[in-house]
Structure formats: structure tokens, C-alpha cells
Amino acid sequence: MQVGRRVINSQEITRGKTHTRRGIAAMWVLLTVPLLLTAFVVMFNAGNLWLASYEAQKAYEAGALAAVQQWGENPNNAANRLIARNRGVDLAQANTAMGNAIAIPDNNDGTNDVNDNDSPDGFIVLGTLRSAVGGYEFNSDLEPVMHFGWRFSRVGVRGRQAS
């Protein structure tokens, strides 16, 4: 005879307790899913911005390289500067950033001054390097310097969107 002993099943243990926690999982899902979706959208857009910036910078650099190559292989005169500048602009504009064409003004003032720069803040700025304290500095108001038959660092490109 087993007095006072009784076998209890699992339904008797949980009876009355299951109703107090109903809906907590649904609440967590409702709170975390929008936060996770928002984080995903922000990260996706940040990635797209980085990719667009990278593609635009590569287009600017390709244009600068084309311009400096054209200018370096020909005499330094107004006609060749214009050809070099146009080649750089054409090559940069042949590239895209996120499928959109790159717009780069030519920055040529046509006055036949030292480097024909319309603005020192333009997209393709012709100039030269000169010695400075601690290294070199780019100067758009000086004519390119010839060393050993080479013209050095004659094009600068600023990577920013055209307005």
C-alpha cells in the first residue's frame, strides 16, 4: 500500500501556467523583424553608396590617366592641352556609376594661359608638381617641368559629382 504517493503527469504540472505566457513569441517577432529589416535596408544602401563612389572614382582616374598620357606624349600647347582634356573627359564619361553616366565638365577656359584651367577646383586640372617642405605640392598655375624627357604629374582629378 502506497499511501500519499500519486503519479503526476505533465499535463497536471503545466495546467494553469500555459495561459500566462501566451503571445510572448509573437511580441518578440513583431519587435525584432522590423528592426532587422531596417538594419538590412540601411546596410544595403550603404553598400550601394560605396559601390557608386568606387565606380565614379575609377572613372575619374581613368579620365585623368588618359589626359595625362595624351598631354605627356605631345608638345605643351593650347591645342594639345584641349585634346588631352577632351580625351580625359570622354573616357571618364564612357564609364558609369551604378548604371548612370558620369558627367564631367571640361574645365577649359580657352584663354591660352599657362594651362588653360578655368578653375583650380575643376574636374581635370592641368598643372605640375613642385618641391615643397616635406615633399611636393601640386600647382595648377605653373607650366609643366621637363625632366629627362618626361613631363611630371600634369593632371589632377577631383572626385566629386557635377552639378
C-alpha atoms as a PDB file:
ATOM      1  CA  MET A   1       0.000   0.000   0.000  1.00  0.00           C
ATOM      2  CA  GLN A   2       1.360   3.316  -1.089  1.00  0.00           C
ATOM      3  CA  VAL A   3      -0.198   5.996   0.953  1.00  0.00           C
ATOM      4  CA  GLY A   4       0.354   9.586  -0.129  1.00  0.00           C
ATOM      5  CA  ARG A   5       2.100   8.710  -3.348  1.00  0.00           C
ATOM      6  CA  ARG A   6       0.471   9.599  -6.534  1.00  0.00           C
ATOM      7  CA  VAL A   7       1.834   9.681 -10.115  1.00  0.00           C
ATOM      8  CA  ILE A   8       1.515  13.109 -11.671  1.00  0.00           C
ATOM      9  CA  ASN A   9       1.511  13.518 -15.433  1.00  0.00           C
ATOM     10  CA  SER A  10       2.910  16.507 -17.356  1.00  0.00           C
ATOM     11  CA  GLN A  11      -0.488  17.995 -18.113  1.00  0.00           C
ATOM     12  CA  GLU A  12      -1.186  18.445 -14.424  1.00  0.00           C
ATOM     13  CA  ILE A  13       2.145  20.220 -13.889  1.00  0.00           C
ATOM     14  CA  THR A  14       1.646  22.785 -16.650  1.00  0.00           C
ATOM     15  CA  ARG A  15      -2.070  23.284 -16.105  1.00  0.00           C
ATOM     16  CA  GLY A  16      -2.763  26.929 -15.403  1.00  0.00           C
ATOM     17  CA  LYS A  17       0.748  28.131 -16.374  1.00  0.00           C
ATOM     18  CA  THR A  18       0.498  27.926 -20.148  1.00  0.00           C
ATOM     19  CA  HIS A  19      -2.021  30.720 -20.419  1.00  0.00           C
ATOM     20  CA  THR A  20       0.133  33.313 -18.651  1.00  0.00           C
ATOM     21  CA  ARG A  21       2.897  33.373 -21.359  1.00  0.00           C
ATOM     22  CA  ARG A  22       0.755  33.138 -24.465  1.00  0.00           C
ATOM     23  CA  GLY A  23       1.805  35.652 -27.189  1.00  0.00           C
ATOM     24  CA  ILE A  24       5.326  36.442 -25.954  1.00  0.00           C
ATOM     25  CA  ALA A  25       6.888  34.869 -29.065  1.00  0.00           C
ATOM     26  CA  ALA A  26       4.593  36.852 -31.332  1.00  0.00           C
ATOM     27  CA  MET A  27       5.571  40.045 -29.500  1.00  0.00           C
ATOM     28  CA  TRP A  28       9.281  39.309 -29.996  1.00  0.00           C
ATOM     29  CA  VAL A  29       8.732  38.631 -33.691  1.00  0.00           C
ATOM     30  CA  LEU A  30       6.765  41.871 -34.088  1.00  0.00           C
ATOM     31  CA  LEU A  31       9.550  43.835 -32.391  1.00  0.00           C
ATOM     32  CA  THR A  32      12.614  42.263 -33.992  1.00  0.00           C
ATOM     33  CA  VAL A  33      11.540  41.724 -37.614  1.00  0.00           C
ATOM     34  CA  PRO A  34      11.115  45.457 -38.375  1.00  0.00           C
ATOM     35  CA  LEU A  35      14.438  46.209 -36.682  1.00  0.00           C
ATOM     36  CA  LEU A  36      16.231  43.534 -38.692  1.00  0.00           C
ATOM     37  CA  LEU A  37      14.619  44.705 -41.938  1.00  0.00           C
ATOM     38  CA  THR A  38      15.598  48.302 -41.201  1.00  0.00           C
ATOM     39  CA  ALA A  39      19.197  47.253 -40.480  1.00  0.00           C
ATOM     40  CA  PHE A  40      19.286  45.280 -43.737  1.00  0.00           C
ATOM     41  CA  VAL A  41      17.977  48.220 -45.780  1.00  0.00           C
ATOM     42  CA  VAL A  42      20.500  50.610 -44.205  1.00  0.00           C
ATOM     43  CA  MET A  43      23.392  48.218 -44.877  1.00  0.00           C
ATOM     44  CA  PHE A  44      22.203  47.602 -48.444  1.00  0.00           C
ATOM     45  CA  ASN A  45      22.012  51.355 -49.168  1.00  0.00           C
ATOM     46  CA  ALA A  46      25.421  51.956 -47.579  1.00  0.00           C
ATOM     47  CA  GLY A  47      26.851  49.256 -49.833  1.00  0.00           C
ATOM     48  CA  ASN A  48      25.260  50.857 -52.899  1.00  0.00           C
ATOM     49  CA  LEU A  49      26.687  54.267 -51.962  1.00  0.00           C
ATOM     50  CA  TRP A  50      30.147  52.780 -51.513  1.00  0.00           C
ATOM     51  CA  LEU A  51      29.893  50.985 -54.879  1.00  0.00           C
ATOM     52  CA  ALA A  52      28.771  54.164 -56.661  1.00  0.00           C
ATOM     53  CA  SER A  53      31.632  56.119 -55.094  1.00  0.00           C
ATOM     54  CA  TYR A  54      34.129  53.421 -56.085  1.00  0.00           C
ATOM     55  CA  GLU A  55      32.882  53.296 -59.687  1.00  0.00           C
ATOM     56  CA  ALA A  56      32.890  57.100 -60.001  1.00  0.00           C
ATOM     57  CA  GLN A  57      36.420  57.330 -58.596  1.00  0.00           C
ATOM     58  CA  LYS A  58      37.629  54.716 -61.079  1.00  0.00           C
ATOM     59  CA  ALA A  59      36.011  56.689 -63.928  1.00  0.00           C
ATOM     60  CA  TYR A  60      37.718  59.905 -62.772  1.00  0.00           C
ATOM     61  CA  GLU A  61      41.073  58.132 -62.516  1.00  0.00           C
ATOM     62  CA  ALA A  62      40.688  56.589 -65.979  1.00  0.00           C
ATOM     63  CA  GLY A  63      39.959  60.042 -67.395  1.00  0.00           C
ATOM     64  CA  ALA A  64      42.964  61.543 -65.635  1.00  0.00           C
ATOM     65  CA  LEU A  65      45.241  58.803 -66.877  1.00  0.00           C
ATOM     66  CA  ALA A  66      44.012  59.250 -70.456  1.00  0.00           C
ATOM     67  CA  ALA A  67      44.507  63.022 -70.249  1.00  0.00           C
ATOM     68  CA  VAL A  68      47.984  62.821 -68.752  1.00  0.00           C
ATOM     69  CA  GLN A  69      49.035  60.203 -71.302  1.00  0.00           C
ATOM     70  CA  GLN A  70      47.773  62.331 -74.191  1.00  0.00           C
ATOM     71  CA  TRP A  71      49.357  65.507 -72.809  1.00  0.00           C
ATOM     72  CA  GLY A  72      52.656  63.836 -71.949  1.00  0.00           C
ATOM     73  CA  GLU A  73      53.126  62.387 -75.428  1.00  0.00           C
ATOM     74  CA  ASN A  74      52.634  65.717 -77.247  1.00  0.00           C
ATOM     75  CA  PRO A  75      54.091  69.245 -77.067  1.00  0.00           C
ATOM     76  CA  ASN A  76      52.625  71.566 -74.440  1.00  0.00           C
ATOM     77  CA  ASN A  77      50.467  73.997 -76.409  1.00  0.00           C
ATOM     78  CA  ALA A  78      46.837  75.080 -76.248  1.00  0.00           C
ATOM     79  CA  ALA A  79      45.657  72.670 -78.971  1.00  0.00           C
ATOM     80  CA  ASN A  80      47.272  69.636 -77.315  1.00  0.00           C
ATOM     81  CA  ARG A  81      46.005  70.647 -73.880  1.00  0.00           C
ATOM     82  CA  LEU A  82      42.473  70.802 -75.296  1.00  0.00           C
ATOM     83  CA  ILE A  83      42.876  67.411 -76.987  1.00  0.00           C
ATOM     84  CA  ALA A  84      44.225  65.888 -73.770  1.00  0.00           C
ATOM     85  CA  ARG A  85      41.440  67.409 -71.669  1.00  0.00           C
ATOM     86  CA  ASN A  86      38.770  66.211 -74.126  1.00  0.00           C
ATOM     87  CA  ARG A  87      40.248  62.710 -74.198  1.00  0.00           C
ATOM     88  CA  GLY A  88      40.149  62.543 -70.403  1.00  0.00           C
ATOM     89  CA  VAL A  89      36.567  63.828 -70.242  1.00  0.00           C
ATOM     90  CA  ASP A  90      35.419  61.439 -72.992  1.00  0.00           C
ATOM     91  CA  LEU A  91      36.970  58.410 -71.322  1.00  0.00           C
ATOM     92  CA  ALA A  92      35.597  59.312 -67.886  1.00  0.00           C
ATOM     93  CA  GLN A  93      32.126  59.866 -69.331  1.00  0.00           C
ATOM     94  CA  ALA A  94      32.263  56.498 -71.112  1.00  0.00           C
ATOM     95  CA  ASN A  95      32.155  54.874 -67.660  1.00  0.00           C
ATOM     96  CA  THR A  96      29.110  54.593 -65.415  1.00  0.00           C
ATOM     97  CA  ALA A  97      28.439  54.591 -61.706  1.00  0.00           C
ATOM     98  CA  MET A  98      25.532  52.309 -60.735  1.00  0.00           C
ATOM     99  CA  GLY A  99      24.401  52.406 -64.368  1.00  0.00           C
ATOM    100  CA  ASN A 100      24.302  56.224 -64.523  1.00  0.00           C
ATOM    101  CA  ALA A 101      26.538  58.211 -66.840  1.00  0.00           C
ATOM    102  CA  ILE A 102      29.317  60.253 -65.264  1.00  0.00           C
ATOM    103  CA  ALA A 103      29.111  63.975 -66.096  1.00  0.00           C
ATOM    104  CA  ILE A 104      32.418  65.849 -66.053  1.00  0.00           C
ATOM    105  CA  PRO A 105      32.796  69.412 -67.377  1.00  0.00           C
ATOM    106  CA  ASP A 106      35.994  70.018 -69.320  1.00  0.00           C
ATOM    107  CA  ASN A 107      37.319  72.935 -67.161  1.00  0.00           C
ATOM    108  CA  ASN A 108      38.948  74.590 -70.187  1.00  0.00           C
ATOM    109  CA  ASP A 109      38.859  78.386 -70.206  1.00  0.00           C
ATOM    110  CA  GLY A 110      40.326  78.668 -73.735  1.00  0.00           C
ATOM    111  CA  THR A 111      42.416  81.752 -72.877  1.00  0.00           C
ATOM    112  CA  ASN A 112      45.692  80.084 -73.851  1.00  0.00           C
ATOM    113  CA  ASP A 113      47.240  80.928 -70.487  1.00  0.00           C
ATOM    114  CA  VAL A 114      49.702  78.588 -68.785  1.00  0.00           C
ATOM    115  CA  ASN A 115      47.468  75.506 -68.505  1.00  0.00           C
ATOM    116  CA  ASP A 116      44.054  76.721 -69.724  1.00  0.00           C
ATOM    117  CA  ASN A 117      42.396  75.865 -66.402  1.00  0.00           C
ATOM    118  CA  ASP A 118      39.025  77.515 -65.916  1.00  0.00           C
ATOM    119  CA  SER A 119      39.163  76.779 -62.191  1.00  0.00           C
ATOM    120  CA  PRO A 120      41.747  75.208 -59.869  1.00  0.00           C
ATOM    121  CA  ASP A 121      38.820  73.280 -58.363  1.00  0.00           C
ATOM    122  CA  GLY A 122      37.708  71.781 -61.690  1.00  0.00           C
ATOM    123  CA  PHE A 123      37.497  68.105 -62.516  1.00  0.00           C
ATOM    124  CA  ILE A 124      40.513  67.918 -64.789  1.00  0.00           C
ATOM    125  CA  VAL A 125      43.137  70.409 -63.643  1.00  0.00           C
ATOM    126  CA  LEU A 126      46.363  70.626 -65.619  1.00  0.00           C
ATOM    127  CA  GLY A 127      49.472  71.608 -63.711  1.00  0.00           C
ATOM    128  CA  THR A 128      52.774  70.387 -62.312  1.00  0.00           C
ATOM    129  CA  LEU A 129      54.462  69.308 -59.108  1.00  0.00           C
ATOM    130  CA  ARG A 130      56.965  71.489 -57.364  1.00  0.00           C
ATOM    131  CA  SER A 131      59.141  70.895 -54.351  1.00  0.00           C
ATOM    132  CA  ALA A 132      57.667  71.884 -51.036  1.00  0.00           C
ATOM    133  CA  VAL A 133      58.550  71.396 -47.407  1.00  0.00           C
ATOM    134  CA  GLY A 134      58.160  67.704 -46.655  1.00  0.00           C
ATOM    135  CA  GLY A 135      57.553  66.600 -50.242  1.00  0.00           C
ATOM    136  CA  TYR A 136      55.764  68.027 -53.259  1.00  0.00           C
ATOM    137  CA  GLU A 137      52.725  70.169 -53.925  1.00  0.00           C
ATOM    138  CA  PHE A 138      50.516  70.365 -57.000  1.00  0.00           C
ATOM    139  CA  ASN A 139      50.333  73.793 -58.651  1.00  0.00           C
ATOM    140  CA  SER A 140      47.909  74.473 -61.489  1.00  0.00           C
ATOM    141  CA  ASP A 141      49.426  77.877 -62.327  1.00  0.00           C
ATOM    142  CA  LEU A 142      52.871  76.629 -63.360  1.00  0.00           C
ATOM    143  CA  GLU A 143      53.884  75.251 -66.721  1.00  0.00           C
ATOM    144  CA  PRO A 144      54.892  71.575 -66.608  1.00  0.00           C
ATOM    145  CA  VAL A 145      58.535  70.879 -65.909  1.00  0.00           C
ATOM    146  CA  MET A 146      60.548  68.598 -68.173  1.00  0.00           C
ATOM    147  CA  HIS A 147      62.949  66.146 -66.510  1.00  0.00           C
ATOM    148  CA  PHE A 148      64.855  63.584 -68.550  1.00  0.00           C
ATOM    149  CA  GLY A 149      62.386  63.967 -71.418  1.00  0.00           C
ATOM    150  CA  TRP A 150      59.273  63.422 -69.240  1.00  0.00           C
ATOM    151  CA  ARG A 151      56.681  65.859 -68.031  1.00  0.00           C
ATOM    152  CA  PHE A 152      55.757  65.044 -64.469  1.00  0.00           C
ATOM    153  CA  SER A 153      52.342  64.957 -62.775  1.00  0.00           C
ATOM    154  CA  ARG A 154      50.418  67.238 -65.005  1.00  0.00           C
ATOM    155  CA  VAL A 155      46.824  66.262 -64.336  1.00  0.00           C
ATOM    156  CA  GLY A 156      44.848  66.329 -61.125  1.00  0.00           C
ATOM    157  CA  VAL A 157      41.340  64.948 -60.828  1.00  0.00           C
ATOM    158  CA  ARG A 158      38.883  65.851 -58.127  1.00  0.00           C
ATOM    159  CA  GLY A 159      36.317  63.158 -57.458  1.00  0.00           C
ATOM    160  CA  ARG A 160      33.006  64.896 -56.837  1.00  0.00           C
ATOM    161  CA  GLN A 161      29.650  64.903 -58.580  1.00  0.00           C
ATOM    162  CA  ALA A 162      28.986  67.510 -61.224  1.00  0.00           C
ATOM    163  CA  SER A 163      26.030  69.740 -60.522  1.00  0.00           C
END
